[in-house]
Amino acid sequence: MSGNDDKKSGKIRTEAEIRAERLAKTLRDNLQRRKQQARSRRAGAADETIGLPGGAPAAKKDESDA
C-alpha cells in the first residue's frame, strides 16, 4: 500500500484513513487471536479451581451475619 498506488488509482488517502485502516486490521487480528484462545480453552479439560488461586477466600464475609 504505497502512496504511488493510491495516486495511480486516483484516490488519495488521508493519514486518518490510513491510521483507521491499520487500527481496524489490528482489531480484527486481535479478535481472531482471542477467538482461537477461547476455542482452545473449550477443547481442554475443565478447570478444577474454585475462586482465586492461592487458597485465599475470594471475598471477605459480611461481619453483620456473625
PDB file of N, CA and C in Angstrom:
ATOM      1  N   MET A   1       0.828  -1.188   0.000  1.00  0.00           N
ATOM      2  CA  MET A   1       0.000   0.000   0.000  1.00  0.00           C
ATOM      3  C   MET A   1       0.871   1.250   0.000  1.00  0.00           C
ATOM      4  N   SER A   2       1.581   1.446  -1.051  1.00  0.00           N
ATOM      5  CA  SER A   2       2.413   2.635  -1.101  1.00  0.00           C
ATOM      6  C   SER A   2       1.591   3.817  -1.587  1.00  0.00           C
ATOM      7  N   GLY A   3       2.106   4.983  -1.377  1.00  0.00           N
ATOM      8  CA  GLY A   3       1.417   6.184  -1.800  1.00  0.00           C
ATOM      9  C   GLY A   3       1.277   6.265  -3.311  1.00  0.00           C
ATOM     10  N   ASN A   4       2.226   5.679  -4.054  1.00  0.00           N
ATOM     11  CA  ASN A   4       2.164   5.699  -5.504  1.00  0.00           C
ATOM     12  C   ASN A   4       0.957   4.930  -6.021  1.00  0.00           C
ATOM     13  N   ASP A   5       0.612   3.820  -5.407  1.00  0.00           N
ATOM     14  CA  ASP A   5      -0.539   3.024  -5.825  1.00  0.00           C
ATOM     15  C   ASP A   5      -1.824   3.822  -5.664  1.00  0.00           C
ATOM     16  N   ASP A   6      -1.922   4.594  -4.611  1.00  0.00           N
ATOM     17  CA  ASP A   6      -3.118   5.397  -4.365  1.00  0.00           C
ATOM     18  C   ASP A   6      -3.252   6.500  -5.413  1.00  0.00           C
ATOM     19  N   LYS A   7      -2.134   7.098  -5.807  1.00  0.00           N
ATOM     20  CA  LYS A   7      -2.174   8.176  -6.788  1.00  0.00           C
ATOM     21  C   LYS A   7      -2.559   7.643  -8.161  1.00  0.00           C
ATOM     22  N   LYS A   8      -2.095   6.443  -8.497  1.00  0.00           N
ATOM     23  CA  LYS A   8      -2.415   5.859  -9.797  1.00  0.00           C
ATOM     24  C   LYS A   8      -3.908   5.565  -9.909  1.00  0.00           C
ATOM     25  N   SER A   9      -4.522   5.127  -8.826  1.00  0.00           N
ATOM     26  CA  SER A   9      -5.939   4.793  -8.872  1.00  0.00           C
ATOM     27  C   SER A   9      -6.819   6.038  -8.750  1.00  0.00           C
ATOM     28  N   GLY A  10      -6.218   7.199  -8.547  1.00  0.00           N
ATOM     29  CA  GLY A  10      -6.979   8.429  -8.441  1.00  0.00           C
ATOM     30  C   GLY A  10      -7.511   8.683  -7.042  1.00  0.00           C
ATOM     31  N   LYS A  11      -7.142   7.851  -6.088  1.00  0.00           N
ATOM     32  CA  LYS A  11      -7.632   8.010  -4.724  1.00  0.00           C
ATOM     33  C   LYS A  11      -6.456   8.381  -3.831  1.00  0.00           C
ATOM     34  N   ILE A  12      -6.559   9.504  -3.182  1.00  0.00           N
ATOM     35  CA  ILE A  12      -5.526   9.924  -2.238  1.00  0.00           C
ATOM     36  C   ILE A  12      -6.112   9.767  -0.844  1.00  0.00           C
ATOM     37  N   ARG A  13      -5.464   8.922  -0.053  1.00  0.00           N
ATOM     38  CA  ARG A  13      -5.952   8.657   1.304  1.00  0.00           C
ATOM     39  C   ARG A  13      -5.282   9.605   2.290  1.00  0.00           C
ATOM     40  N   THR A  14      -6.052  10.026   3.263  1.00  0.00           N
ATOM     41  CA  THR A  14      -5.505  10.894   4.291  1.00  0.00           C
ATOM     42  C   THR A  14      -4.811  10.043   5.345  1.00  0.00           C
ATOM     43  N   GLU A  15      -4.027  10.692   6.164  1.00  0.00           N
ATOM     44  CA  GLU A  15      -3.346  10.000   7.258  1.00  0.00           C
ATOM     45  C   GLU A  15      -4.350   9.353   8.200  1.00  0.00           C
ATOM     46  N   ALA A  16      -5.476  10.035   8.428  1.00  0.00           N
ATOM     47  CA  ALA A  16      -6.507   9.495   9.322  1.00  0.00           C
ATOM     48  C   ALA A  16      -7.099   8.214   8.751  1.00  0.00           C
ATOM     49  N   GLU A  17      -7.314   8.166   7.431  1.00  0.00           N
ATOM     50  CA  GLU A  17      -7.852   6.961   6.804  1.00  0.00           C
ATOM     51  C   GLU A  17      -6.864   5.805   6.891  1.00  0.00           C
ATOM     52  N   ILE A  18      -5.614   6.095   6.662  1.00  0.00           N
ATOM     53  CA  ILE A  18      -4.571   5.064   6.747  1.00  0.00           C
ATOM     54  C   ILE A  18      -4.490   4.527   8.171  1.00  0.00           C
ATOM     55  N   ARG A  19      -4.534   5.432   9.139  1.00  0.00           N
ATOM     56  CA  ARG A  19      -4.475   5.027  10.550  1.00  0.00           C
ATOM     57  C   ARG A  19      -5.702   4.199  10.927  1.00  0.00           C
ATOM     58  N   ALA A  20      -6.873   4.615  10.459  1.00  0.00           N
ATOM     59  CA  ALA A  20      -8.106   3.885  10.763  1.00  0.00           C
ATOM     60  C   ALA A  20      -8.066   2.479  10.172  1.00  0.00           C
ATOM     61  N   GLU A  21      -7.556   2.341   8.958  1.00  0.00           N
ATOM     62  CA  GLU A  21      -7.435   1.019   8.336  1.00  0.00           C
ATOM     63  C   GLU A  21      -6.459   0.136   9.115  1.00  0.00           C
ATOM     64  N   ARG A  22      -5.350   0.733   9.529  1.00  0.00           N
ATOM     65  CA  ARG A  22      -4.359  -0.020  10.309  1.00  0.00           C
ATOM     66  C   ARG A  22      -4.948  -0.453  11.649  1.00  0.00           C
ATOM     67  N   LEU A  23      -5.693   0.420  12.298  1.00  0.00           N
ATOM     68  CA  LEU A  23      -6.340   0.096  13.562  1.00  0.00           C
ATOM     69  C   LEU A  23      -7.382  -1.010  13.376  1.00  0.00           C
ATOM     70  N   ALA A  24      -8.166  -0.923  12.306  1.00  0.00           N
ATOM     71  CA  ALA A  24      -9.177  -1.944  12.035  1.00  0.00           C
ATOM     72  C   ALA A  24      -8.528  -3.306  11.826  1.00  0.00           C
ATOM     73  N   LYS A  25      -7.413  -3.344  11.114  1.00  0.00           N
ATOM     74  CA  LYS A  25      -6.719  -4.612  10.891  1.00  0.00           C
ATOM     75  C   LYS A  25      -6.189  -5.167  12.210  1.00  0.00           C
ATOM     76  N   THR A  26      -5.637  -4.313  13.041  1.00  0.00           N
ATOM     77  CA  THR A  26      -5.134  -4.739  14.344  1.00  0.00           C
ATOM     78  C   THR A  26      -6.258  -5.303  15.202  1.00  0.00           C
ATOM     79  N   LEU A  27      -7.407  -4.642  15.193  1.00  0.00           N
ATOM     80  CA  LEU A  27      -8.551  -5.117  15.973  1.00  0.00           C
ATOM     81  C   LEU A  27      -9.063  -6.457  15.451  1.00  0.00           C
ATOM     82  N   ARG A  28      -9.119  -6.619  14.123  1.00  0.00           N
ATOM     83  CA  ARG A  28      -9.537  -7.901  13.538  1.00  0.00           C
ATOM     84  C   ARG A  28      -8.586  -9.019  13.938  1.00  0.00           C
ATOM     85  N   ASP A  29      -7.274  -8.741  13.865  1.00  0.00           N
ATOM     86  CA  ASP A  29      -6.273  -9.744  14.248  1.00  0.00           C
ATOM     87  C   ASP A  29      -6.412 -10.125  15.717  1.00  0.00           C
ATOM     88  N   ASN A  30      -6.640  -9.134  16.558  1.00  0.00           N
ATOM     89  CA  ASN A  30      -6.803  -9.374  17.990  1.00  0.00           C
ATOM     90  C   ASN A  30      -8.045 -10.228  18.251  1.00  0.00           C
ATOM     91  N   LEU A  31      -9.140  -9.918  17.559  1.00  0.00           N
ATOM     92  CA  LEU A  31     -10.370 -10.685  17.723  1.00  0.00           C
ATOM     93  C   LEU A  31     -10.156 -12.141  17.314  1.00  0.00           C
ATOM     94  N   GLN A  32      -9.480 -12.352  16.198  1.00  0.00           N
ATOM     95  CA  GLN A  32      -9.218 -13.721  15.743  1.00  0.00           C
ATOM     96  C   GLN A  32      -8.356 -14.475  16.750  1.00  0.00           C
ATOM     97  N   ARG A  33      -7.356 -13.802  17.326  1.00  0.00           N
ATOM     98  CA  ARG A  33      -6.488 -14.433  18.319  1.00  0.00           C
ATOM     99  C   ARG A  33      -7.274 -14.803  19.575  1.00  0.00           C
ATOM    100  N   ARG A  34      -8.164 -13.914  20.021  1.00  0.00           N
ATOM    101  CA  ARG A  34      -8.985 -14.201  21.204  1.00  0.00           C
ATOM    102  C   ARG A  34      -9.964 -15.340  20.949  1.00  0.00           C
ATOM    103  N   LYS A  35     -10.547 -15.388  19.750  1.00  0.00           N
ATOM    104  CA  LYS A  35     -11.453 -16.481  19.407  1.00  0.00           C
ATOM    105  C   LYS A  35     -10.709 -17.815  19.435  1.00  0.00           C
ATOM    106  N   GLN A  36      -9.489 -17.820  18.889  1.00  0.00           N
ATOM    107  CA  GLN A  36      -8.704 -19.049  18.889  1.00  0.00           C
ATOM    108  C   GLN A  36      -8.361 -19.472  20.319  1.00  0.00           C
ATOM    109  N   GLN A  37      -8.048 -18.521  21.179  1.00  0.00           N
ATOM    110  CA  GLN A  37      -7.760 -18.838  22.576  1.00  0.00           C
ATOM    111  C   GLN A  37      -8.991 -19.433  23.252  1.00  0.00           C
ATOM    112  N   ALA A  38     -10.161 -18.869  22.996  1.00  0.00           N
ATOM    113  CA  ALA A  38     -11.395 -19.379  23.594  1.00  0.00           C
ATOM    114  C   ALA A  38     -11.683 -20.797  23.103  1.00  0.00           C
ATOM    115  N   ARG A  39     -11.466 -21.046  21.812  1.00  0.00           N
ATOM    116  CA  ARG A  39     -11.689 -22.388  21.266  1.00  0.00           C
ATOM    117  C   ARG A  39     -10.753 -23.394  21.919  1.00  0.00           C
ATOM    118  N   SER A  40      -9.503 -23.012  22.113  1.00  0.00           N
ATOM    119  CA  SER A  40      -8.545 -23.949  22.706  1.00  0.00           C
ATOM    120  C   SER A  40      -8.871 -24.209  24.173  1.00  0.00           C
ATOM    121  N   ARG A  41      -9.401 -23.212  24.873  1.00  0.00           N
ATOM    122  CA  ARG A  41      -9.786 -23.425  26.272  1.00  0.00           C
ATOM    123  C   ARG A  41     -10.980 -24.361  26.370  1.00  0.00           C
ATOM    124  N   ARG A  42     -11.947 -24.226  25.450  1.00  0.00           N
ATOM    125  CA  ARG A  42     -13.114 -25.100  25.454  1.00  0.00           C
ATOM    126  C   ARG A  42     -12.726 -26.541  25.165  1.00  0.00           C
ATOM    127  N   ALA A  43     -11.708 -26.746  24.356  1.00  0.00           N
ATOM    128  CA  ALA A  43     -11.293 -28.089  23.981  1.00  0.00           C
ATOM    129  C   ALA A  43     -10.552 -28.785  25.110  1.00  0.00           C
ATOM    130  N   GLY A  44     -10.039 -28.028  26.066  1.00  0.00           N
ATOM    131  CA  GLY A  44      -9.271 -28.591  27.175  1.00  0.00           C
ATOM    132  C   GLY A  44     -10.163 -29.123  28.276  1.00  0.00           C
ATOM    133  N   ALA A  45      -9.510 -29.665  29.313  1.00  0.00           N
ATOM    134  CA  ALA A  45     -10.235 -30.193  30.469  1.00  0.00           C
ATOM    135  C   ALA A  45     -10.811 -29.041  31.288  1.00  0.00           C
ATOM    136  N   ALA A  46     -11.841 -29.350  32.053  1.00  0.00           N
ATOM    137  CA  ALA A  46     -12.481 -28.341  32.892  1.00  0.00           C
ATOM    138  C   ALA A  46     -11.514 -27.870  33.966  1.00  0.00           C
ATOM    139  N   ASP A  47     -11.614 -26.620  34.329  1.00  0.00           N
ATOM    140  CA  ASP A  47     -10.772 -26.041  35.363  1.00  0.00           C
ATOM    141  C   ASP A  47     -11.288 -26.490  36.727  1.00  0.00           C
ATOM    142  N   GLU A  48     -10.410 -27.083  37.533  1.00  0.00           N
ATOM    143  CA  GLU A  48     -10.808 -27.640  38.829  1.00  0.00           C
ATOM    144  C   GLU A  48     -10.818 -26.602  39.949  1.00  0.00           C
ATOM    145  N   THR A  49     -10.240 -25.436  39.728  1.00  0.00           N
ATOM    146  CA  THR A  49     -10.148 -24.444  40.796  1.00  0.00           C
ATOM    147  C   THR A  49     -11.480 -23.764  41.039  1.00  0.00           C
ATOM    148  N   ILE A  50     -11.672 -23.322  42.268  1.00  0.00           N
ATOM    149  CA  ILE A  50     -12.846 -22.562  42.644  1.00  0.00           C
ATOM    150  C   ILE A  50     -12.347 -21.244  43.219  1.00  0.00           C
ATOM    151  N   GLY A  51     -12.805 -20.149  42.691  1.00  0.00           N
ATOM    152  CA  GLY A  51     -12.380 -18.842  43.185  1.00  0.00           C
ATOM    153  C   GLY A  51     -10.977 -18.486  42.713  1.00  0.00           C
ATOM    154  N   LEU A  52     -10.318 -17.651  43.481  1.00  0.00           N
ATOM    155  CA  LEU A  52      -8.994 -17.190  43.128  1.00  0.00           C
ATOM    156  C   LEU A  52      -7.933 -18.204  43.523  1.00  0.00           C
ATOM    157  N   PRO A  53      -6.869 -18.328  42.745  1.00  0.00           N
ATOM    158  CA  PRO A  53      -5.795 -19.246  43.118  1.00  0.00           C
ATOM    159  C   PRO A  53      -5.040 -18.725  44.335  1.00  0.00           C
ATOM    160  N   GLY A  54      -4.424 -19.618  45.088  1.00  0.00           N
ATOM    161  CA  GLY A  54      -3.622 -19.213  46.230  1.00  0.00           C
ATOM    162  C   GLY A  54      -4.242 -19.582  47.556  1.00  0.00           C
ATOM    163  N   GLY A  55      -5.411 -20.149  47.563  1.00  0.00           N
ATOM    164  CA  GLY A  55      -6.033 -20.610  48.790  1.00  0.00           C
ATOM    165  C   GLY A  55      -6.722 -19.538  49.607  1.00  0.00           C
ATOM    166  N   ALA A  56      -6.613 -18.283  49.216  1.00  0.00           N
ATOM    167  CA  ALA A  56      -7.269 -17.218  49.962  1.00  0.00           C
ATOM    168  C   ALA A  56      -8.748 -17.178  49.589  1.00  0.00           C
ATOM    169  N   PRO A  57      -9.620 -16.823  50.534  1.00  0.00           N
ATOM    170  CA  PRO A  57     -11.040 -16.721  50.192  1.00  0.00           C
ATOM    171  C   PRO A  57     -11.245 -15.633  49.148  1.00  0.00           C
ATOM    172  N   ALA A  58     -12.234 -15.811  48.295  1.00  0.00           N
ATOM    173  CA  ALA A  58     -12.476 -14.871  47.204  1.00  0.00           C
ATOM    174  C   ALA A  58     -12.949 -13.515  47.725  1.00  0.00           C
ATOM    175  N   ALA A  59     -13.710 -13.513  48.806  1.00  0.00           N
ATOM    176  CA  ALA A  59     -14.215 -12.256  49.342  1.00  0.00           C
ATOM    177  C   ALA A  59     -14.382 -12.385  50.853  1.00  0.00           C
ATOM    178  N   LYS A  60     -14.295 -11.265  51.530  1.00  0.00           N
ATOM    179  CA  LYS A  60     -14.471 -11.253  52.974  1.00  0.00           C
ATOM    180  C   LYS A  60     -15.949 -11.407  53.311  1.00  0.00           C
ATOM    181  N   LYS A  61     -16.248 -12.210  54.314  1.00  0.00           N
ATOM    182  CA  LYS A  61     -17.633 -12.385  54.730  1.00  0.00           C
ATOM    183  C   LYS A  61     -18.165 -11.113  55.373  1.00  0.00           C
ATOM    184  N   ASP A  62     -19.428 -10.929  55.273  1.00  0.00           N
ATOM    185  CA  ASP A  62     -20.076  -9.782  55.885  1.00  0.00           C
ATOM    186  C   ASP A  62     -20.084  -9.981  57.387  1.00  0.00           C
ATOM    187  N   GLU A  63     -19.544  -9.043  58.140  1.00  0.00           N
ATOM    188  CA  GLU A  63     -19.433  -9.189  59.593  1.00  0.00           C
ATOM    189  C   GLU A  63     -20.777  -9.056  60.296  1.00  0.00           C
ATOM    190  N   SER A  64     -21.771  -8.520  59.636  1.00  0.00           N
ATOM    191  CA  SER A  64     -23.068  -8.349  60.286  1.00  0.00           C
ATOM    192  C   SER A  64     -23.796  -9.697  60.449  1.00  0.00           C
ATOM    193  N   ASP A  65     -23.385 -10.720  59.711  1.00  0.00           N
ATOM    194  CA  ASP A  65     -24.013 -12.036  59.809  1.00  0.00           C
ATOM    195  C   ASP A  65     -23.455 -12.845  60.979  1.00  0.00           C
ATOM    196  N   ALA A  66     -22.403 -12.417  61.612  1.00  0.00           N
ATOM    197  CA  ALA A  66     -21.725 -13.201  62.649  1.00  0.00           C
ATOM    198  C   ALA A  66     -22.514 -13.293  63.922  1.00  0.00           C
TER     199      ALA A  66
END
